[in-house]
Protein backbone atom coordinates (compact mmCIF):
# COMPACT_ATOMS: atom_id res chain seq x y z
CA UNK A 1 0.00 -0.15 0.12
CA UNK A 2 1.35 3.49 -0.91
CA UNK A 3 2.17 6.05 1.92
CA UNK A 4 -0.34 8.32 0.32
CA UNK A 5 -3.11 5.55 0.60
CA UNK A 6 -2.11 5.07 4.52
CA UNK A 7 -2.53 8.95 4.90
CA UNK A 8 -6.05 8.66 3.54
CA UNK A 9 -6.67 5.87 6.12
CA UNK A 10 -4.99 7.79 9.09
CA UNK A 11 -2.50 5.34 9.34
CA UNK A 12 0.38 7.91 9.54
CA UNK A 13 3.15 6.15 11.43
CA UNK A 14 2.86 3.45 8.52
CA UNK A 15 2.84 6.09 6.15
CA UNK A 16 5.97 7.81 7.60
CA UNK A 17 8.00 4.58 7.69
CA UNK A 18 7.58 3.99 4.16
CA UNK A 19 8.69 7.32 3.34
CA UNK A 20 11.76 7.13 5.62
CA UNK A 21 12.67 3.76 3.92
CA UNK A 22 12.25 5.36 0.47
CA UNK A 23 14.50 8.15 2.06
CA UNK A 24 17.59 5.72 2.46
CA UNK A 25 17.87 5.45 -1.47
CA UNK A 26 17.32 9.34 -1.92
CA UNK A 27 18.36 11.04 0.98
CA UNK A 28 18.02 14.21 -0.78
CA UNK A 29 14.53 14.06 -2.06
CA UNK A 30 12.98 17.05 -0.71
CA UNK A 31 9.51 15.54 -1.65
CA UNK A 32 10.05 12.54 0.64
CA UNK A 33 11.43 14.85 3.30
CA UNK A 34 8.28 17.07 3.35
CA UNK A 35 5.85 14.30 3.24
CA UNK A 36 7.68 12.29 6.25
CA UNK A 37 7.51 15.48 8.35
CA UNK A 38 3.85 16.29 7.70
CA UNK A 39 3.02 12.74 9.09
CA UNK A 40 5.21 13.76 12.16
CA UNK A 41 3.29 16.63 12.21
CA UNK A 42 -0.14 15.34 11.87
CA UNK A 43 0.46 11.91 13.99
CA UNK A 44 -0.44 12.94 17.63
CA UNK A 45 -3.68 14.97 16.60
CA UNK A 46 -4.95 11.96 14.21
CA UNK A 47 -4.13 9.24 17.33
CA UNK A 48 -6.04 11.33 19.70
CA UNK A 49 -9.36 11.76 17.42
CA UNK A 50 -10.90 8.33 19.09
CA UNK A 51 -10.67 10.01 23.00
CA UNK A 52 -12.56 12.91 21.85
CA UNK A 53 -16.28 13.31 21.10
CA UNK A 54 -17.22 14.05 17.69
CA UNK A 55 -17.66 18.34 18.03
CA UNK A 56 -13.97 18.08 19.63
CA UNK A 57 -12.73 15.97 16.79
CA UNK A 58 -13.70 18.51 14.29
CA UNK A 59 -12.41 21.37 16.13
CA UNK A 60 -9.00 19.55 16.87
CA UNK A 61 -8.43 18.94 13.17
CA UNK A 62 -9.58 22.57 12.42
CA UNK A 63 -7.42 24.27 14.83
CA UNK A 64 -4.39 22.04 13.94
CA UNK A 65 -4.95 22.46 10.20
CA UNK A 66 -4.33 26.17 11.22
CA UNK A 67 -1.15 25.51 12.64
CA UNK A 68 -0.41 23.30 9.27
CA UNK A 69 -0.92 26.30 6.96
CA UNK A 70 1.37 28.58 9.27
CA UNK A 71 3.89 25.59 8.80
CA UNK A 72 3.09 25.48 5.04
CA UNK A 73 3.82 29.41 4.55
CA UNK A 74 7.25 28.77 5.75
CA UNK A 75 8.21 25.80 3.57
CA UNK A 76 10.02 26.75 0.41
CA UNK A 77 7.89 24.50 -1.97
CA UNK A 78 5.58 22.10 -0.61
CA UNK A 79 4.57 19.34 -2.44
CA UNK A 80 0.87 19.79 -3.60
CA UNK A 81 0.17 16.15 -3.75
CA UNK A 82 1.03 15.78 -0.18
CA UNK A 83 -0.79 18.79 0.97
CA UNK A 84 -3.81 17.82 -1.07
CA UNK A 85 -3.67 14.20 0.84
CA UNK A 86 -3.87 15.85 4.14
CA UNK A 87 -6.65 18.32 3.32
CA UNK A 88 -8.91 15.43 2.06
CA UNK A 89 -7.98 13.52 5.47
CA UNK A 90 -8.73 16.21 7.36
CA UNK A 91 -12.00 17.84 6.23
CA UNK A 92 -13.33 14.35 4.94
CA UNK A 93 -13.11 13.42 8.83
CA UNK A 94 -13.96 16.71 10.34
CA UNK A 95 -17.04 16.99 8.08
CA UNK A 96 -18.08 13.52 9.27
CA UNK A 97 -17.75 14.07 12.70
CA UNK A 98 -19.38 17.73 12.82
CA UNK A 99 -22.25 16.15 10.74
CA UNK A 100 -23.26 13.94 13.91
CA UNK A 101 -24.24 17.11 15.51
CA UNK A 102 -26.21 18.59 13.11
CA UNK A 103 -29.42 17.78 14.54
CA UNK A 104 -28.93 19.64 18.07
CA UNK A 105 -31.96 21.83 18.89
CA UNK A 106 -30.02 24.87 20.31
CA UNK A 107 -30.15 27.23 17.61
CA UNK A 108 -26.98 28.86 18.23
CA UNK A 109 -25.07 25.54 18.12
CA UNK A 110 -26.77 24.57 14.89
CA UNK A 111 -25.74 27.68 13.12
CA UNK A 112 -22.35 27.05 14.36
CA UNK A 113 -22.23 23.54 13.03
CA UNK A 114 -23.54 24.31 9.52
CA UNK A 115 -20.96 27.23 9.21
CA UNK A 116 -18.41 24.74 10.48
CA UNK A 117 -19.86 22.00 7.79
CA UNK A 118 -19.83 24.62 5.00
CA UNK A 119 -16.29 25.45 6.02
CA UNK A 120 -15.27 21.74 5.54
CA UNK A 121 -17.12 21.50 1.87
CA UNK A 122 -15.52 24.76 0.90
CA UNK A 123 -11.77 23.25 1.85
CA UNK A 124 -12.89 19.85 0.19
CA UNK A 125 -13.48 22.37 -3.21
CA UNK A 126 -17.35 22.06 -3.09
CA UNK A 127 -18.22 25.65 -3.07
CA UNK A 128 -21.85 25.39 -3.77
CA UNK A 129 -22.60 22.78 -1.27
CA UNK A 130 -20.20 24.72 1.20
CA UNK A 131 -22.42 28.10 0.33
CA UNK A 132 -25.85 26.33 1.31
CA UNK A 133 -24.64 25.18 4.67
CA UNK A 134 -23.31 28.94 5.45
CA UNK A 135 -26.82 30.45 4.33
CA UNK A 136 -28.29 28.04 6.78
CA UNK A 137 -26.16 29.05 9.38
CA UNK A 138 -26.86 32.75 8.69
CA UNK A 139 -30.31 32.28 8.63
CA UNK A 140 -30.54 30.46 12.10
CA UNK A 141 -28.52 33.55 13.45
CA UNK A 142 -28.20 36.53 11.64
CA UNK A 143 -25.85 39.36 12.26
CA UNK A 144 -22.71 37.22 12.18
CA UNK A 145 -19.75 38.84 10.45
CA UNK A 146 -17.68 35.48 10.50
CA UNK A 147 -20.54 33.94 8.44
CA UNK A 148 -21.16 36.65 5.99
CA UNK A 149 -17.45 36.50 5.38
CA UNK A 150 -17.17 33.07 4.58
CA UNK A 151 -20.56 33.20 2.27
CA UNK A 152 -18.61 36.07 0.41
CA UNK A 153 -15.55 33.71 0.11
CA UNK A 154 -17.73 30.99 -1.54
CA UNK A 155 -19.49 33.31 -3.65
CA UNK A 156 -16.06 34.60 -5.14
CA UNK A 157 -14.95 31.03 -5.35
CA UNK A 158 -18.29 30.61 -7.34
CA UNK A 159 -17.41 33.25 -9.72
CA UNK A 160 -20.16 35.55 -8.56
CA UNK A 161 -18.52 38.71 -8.21
CA UNK A 162 -21.48 40.98 -7.19
CA UNK A 163 -22.44 38.70 -4.56
CA UNK A 164 -18.93 38.36 -2.75
CA UNK A 165 -18.26 42.01 -2.94
CA UNK A 166 -21.74 43.22 -1.15
CA UNK A 167 -21.03 40.40 1.59
CA UNK A 168 -17.68 41.24 2.44
CA UNK A 169 -18.60 44.85 2.58
CA UNK A 170 -21.51 43.90 4.88
CA UNK A 171 -18.82 41.14 6.98
CA UNK A 172 -16.59 44.01 7.40
CA UNK A 173 -19.18 46.83 8.40
CA UNK A 174 -20.60 44.57 11.24
CA UNK A 175 -17.41 43.63 12.99
CA UNK A 176 -14.12 43.32 11.36
CA UNK A 177 -12.52 41.55 14.05
CA UNK A 178 -14.82 38.53 13.74
CA UNK A 179 -13.36 37.97 10.51
CA UNK A 180 -11.01 35.42 9.91
CA UNK A 181 -8.53 36.27 7.23
CA UNK A 182 -6.53 33.09 7.54
CA UNK A 183 -9.23 30.52 5.95
CA UNK A 184 -10.48 33.01 3.29
CA UNK A 185 -9.52 31.87 -0.25
CA UNK A 186 -11.20 34.51 -2.27
CA UNK A 187 -8.72 36.36 -4.70
CA UNK A 188 -10.96 39.42 -4.41
CA UNK A 189 -10.05 39.75 -0.71
CA UNK A 190 -6.52 38.28 -0.79
CA UNK A 191 -5.59 41.19 -3.34
CA UNK A 192 -7.17 43.74 -0.86
CA UNK A 193 -5.52 42.34 2.10
CA UNK A 194 -2.07 42.27 0.49
CA UNK A 195 -2.36 45.79 -0.31
CA UNK A 196 -3.28 46.95 3.00
CA UNK A 197 -0.84 44.73 4.26
CA UNK A 198 1.72 46.82 2.22
CA UNK A 199 0.90 49.89 4.14
CA UNK A 200 2.74 48.22 7.43
CA UNK A 201 -0.48 47.06 9.01
CA UNK A 202 -1.32 43.86 10.71
CA UNK A 203 -2.97 42.09 13.18
CA UNK A 204 -6.51 43.84 14.49
CA UNK A 205 -5.65 47.25 12.93
CA UNK A 206 -5.14 45.53 9.33
CA UNK A 207 -8.59 44.09 9.88
CA UNK A 208 -10.17 47.58 10.77
CA UNK A 209 -8.28 49.15 7.95
CA UNK A 210 -9.43 46.51 5.09
CA UNK A 211 -12.96 47.96 4.55
CA UNK A 212 -11.49 51.20 4.32
CA UNK A 213 -9.44 50.64 1.76
CA UNK A 214 -11.93 48.29 0.42
CA UNK A 215 -13.85 51.42 -0.39
CA UNK A 216 -10.82 53.64 -1.72
CA UNK A 217 -9.76 50.99 -4.19
CA UNK A 218 -13.15 50.19 -5.37
CA UNK A 219 -13.50 46.80 -4.05
CA UNK A 220 -16.44 47.27 -1.62
CA UNK A 221 -18.19 49.11 -4.47
CA UNK A 222 -21.53 47.01 -4.67
CA UNK A 223 -24.02 48.72 -2.16
CA UNK A 224 -27.45 48.66 -0.68
CA UNK A 225 -29.73 51.16 1.10
CA UNK A 226 -30.05 50.85 4.59
CA UNK A 227 -33.36 50.26 6.59
CA UNK A 228 -35.01 52.98 8.65
CA UNK A 229 -33.57 51.40 11.82
CA UNK A 230 -30.15 50.31 10.33
CA UNK A 231 -29.43 54.22 9.83
CA UNK A 232 -30.72 55.01 13.22
CA UNK A 233 -28.30 52.40 14.77
CA UNK A 234 -25.59 53.86 12.44
CA UNK A 235 -25.92 57.43 13.53
CA UNK A 236 -25.85 56.16 17.13
CA UNK A 237 -22.70 54.17 16.65
CA UNK A 238 -21.26 57.00 15.01
CA UNK A 239 -21.90 59.32 17.60
CA UNK A 240 -20.55 56.58 20.07
CA UNK A 241 -17.22 56.26 18.48
CA UNK A 242 -16.80 60.25 18.11
CA UNK A 243 -17.09 60.21 21.60
CA UNK A 244 -14.49 57.48 22.38
CA UNK A 245 -12.07 59.44 19.76
CA UNK A 246 -11.82 62.11 22.40
CA UNK A 247 -10.55 59.92 25.15
CA UNK A 248 -6.66 59.00 24.40
CA UNK A 249 -7.17 56.11 26.77
CA UNK A 250 -8.95 54.40 24.09
CA UNK A 251 -7.34 52.65 21.26
CA UNK A 252 -7.61 55.41 18.53
CA UNK A 253 -5.69 53.10 16.24
CA UNK A 254 -8.69 50.64 15.95
CA UNK A 255 -11.59 53.04 16.60
CA UNK A 256 -10.34 55.57 13.90
CA UNK A 257 -10.86 53.08 10.89
CA UNK A 258 -14.05 52.01 12.11
CA UNK A 259 -15.24 55.39 12.57
CA UNK A 260 -14.12 56.05 8.85
CA UNK A 261 -16.02 52.86 7.50
CA UNK A 262 -18.98 54.42 9.08
CA UNK A 263 -18.93 57.77 7.70
CA UNK A 264 -18.40 56.16 4.27
CA UNK A 265 -21.62 54.29 4.96
CA UNK A 266 -23.62 57.57 6.05
CA UNK A 267 -22.23 59.04 2.67
CA UNK A 268 -23.61 56.13 0.63
CA UNK A 269 -26.96 56.09 2.55
CA UNK A 270 -27.34 59.76 1.75
CA UNK A 271 -26.61 59.53 -1.79
CA UNK A 272 -29.06 56.34 -2.26
CA UNK A 273 -31.59 58.22 -0.29
CA UNK A 274 -31.28 61.30 -2.22
CA UNK A 275 -30.68 63.42 0.94
CA UNK A 276 -29.70 66.96 0.93
CA UNK A 277 -26.18 68.10 -0.65
CA UNK A 278 -25.33 69.99 2.96
CA UNK A 279 -25.64 66.18 4.97
CA UNK A 280 -23.34 64.79 2.42
CA UNK A 281 -20.83 67.44 2.69
CA UNK A 282 -21.03 67.43 6.69
CA UNK A 283 -19.98 63.81 6.69
CA UNK A 284 -17.10 64.43 4.25
CA UNK A 285 -16.02 67.32 6.34
CA UNK A 286 -15.87 64.87 9.43
CA UNK A 287 -13.73 62.41 6.98
CA UNK A 288 -11.58 65.32 6.28
CA UNK A 289 -10.65 66.41 10.19
CA UNK A 290 -10.27 62.71 10.85
CA UNK A 291 -8.00 61.59 8.16
CA UNK A 292 -7.08 64.25 5.50
CA UNK A 293 -5.31 61.59 3.35
CA UNK A 294 -8.11 59.36 2.93
CA UNK A 295 -10.53 62.19 2.48
CA UNK A 296 -8.38 62.89 -0.46
CA UNK A 297 -8.43 59.38 -1.62
CA UNK A 298 -12.31 58.79 -0.87
CA UNK A 299 -13.51 62.13 -2.97
CA UNK A 300 -11.39 61.25 -5.74
CA UNK A 301 -13.33 58.19 -5.96
CA UNK A 302 -17.08 59.45 -5.44
């Protein structure tokens, strides 16, 4: 039996033995070294699975995959066949284990399970099925930025650009800190993230500036008209953030981009609702006072 077949069965010890035996005849073979090291990396996690309940098995696999991705980023030339073998094993197993919890009654838990199942299907390349589960997750518990971002990711991977743009815009408006960039595979958000990273931003600040530059670079350019209760809430949130900006003890580096994005949404609302020119100018002045450079970039686009 080949090493890859054994990986598919979860028998990583035997797979590693076969790979190491092959290495004795070809010590400089990078692909064999890489495959054997992957077996070592995953072995303990895979062997520990039977001791966990079904949900914990899924969580353990996904959490370890996050660490595996970081390892791959440091690898000079990872062998795609090996990465695919582990991807298929990890997410097929996680999908099976999460599926055992699908009928649980709790609405919040059901939403989370649907999101995780959708995520597994996305990792396995079945984007349409993934989207269906993401939509079910969101219908169970609305207002979750993480689910909207995953839906946007799936739409982009399915080639539905307009839907992807509007949902990414929505997700980053609701709460940028809830969006997990490490698991998004959309070329659209990947290019935008790279552009914002080039400005020296990272971590929490990067997440807050993505919607700002998403507007500047016309990535988040598909807009919708806010409902009356939404515009009321937006104005309240703007007032609260403006007060937070006055207190130097607050983290202004995070508040500033969040407030800028709120101003962008307010300008969009005024334009779509055909509000007076004076109201638009009032908000533009606030943007200018908050960040003159962003104001110049923004007004050059509207």
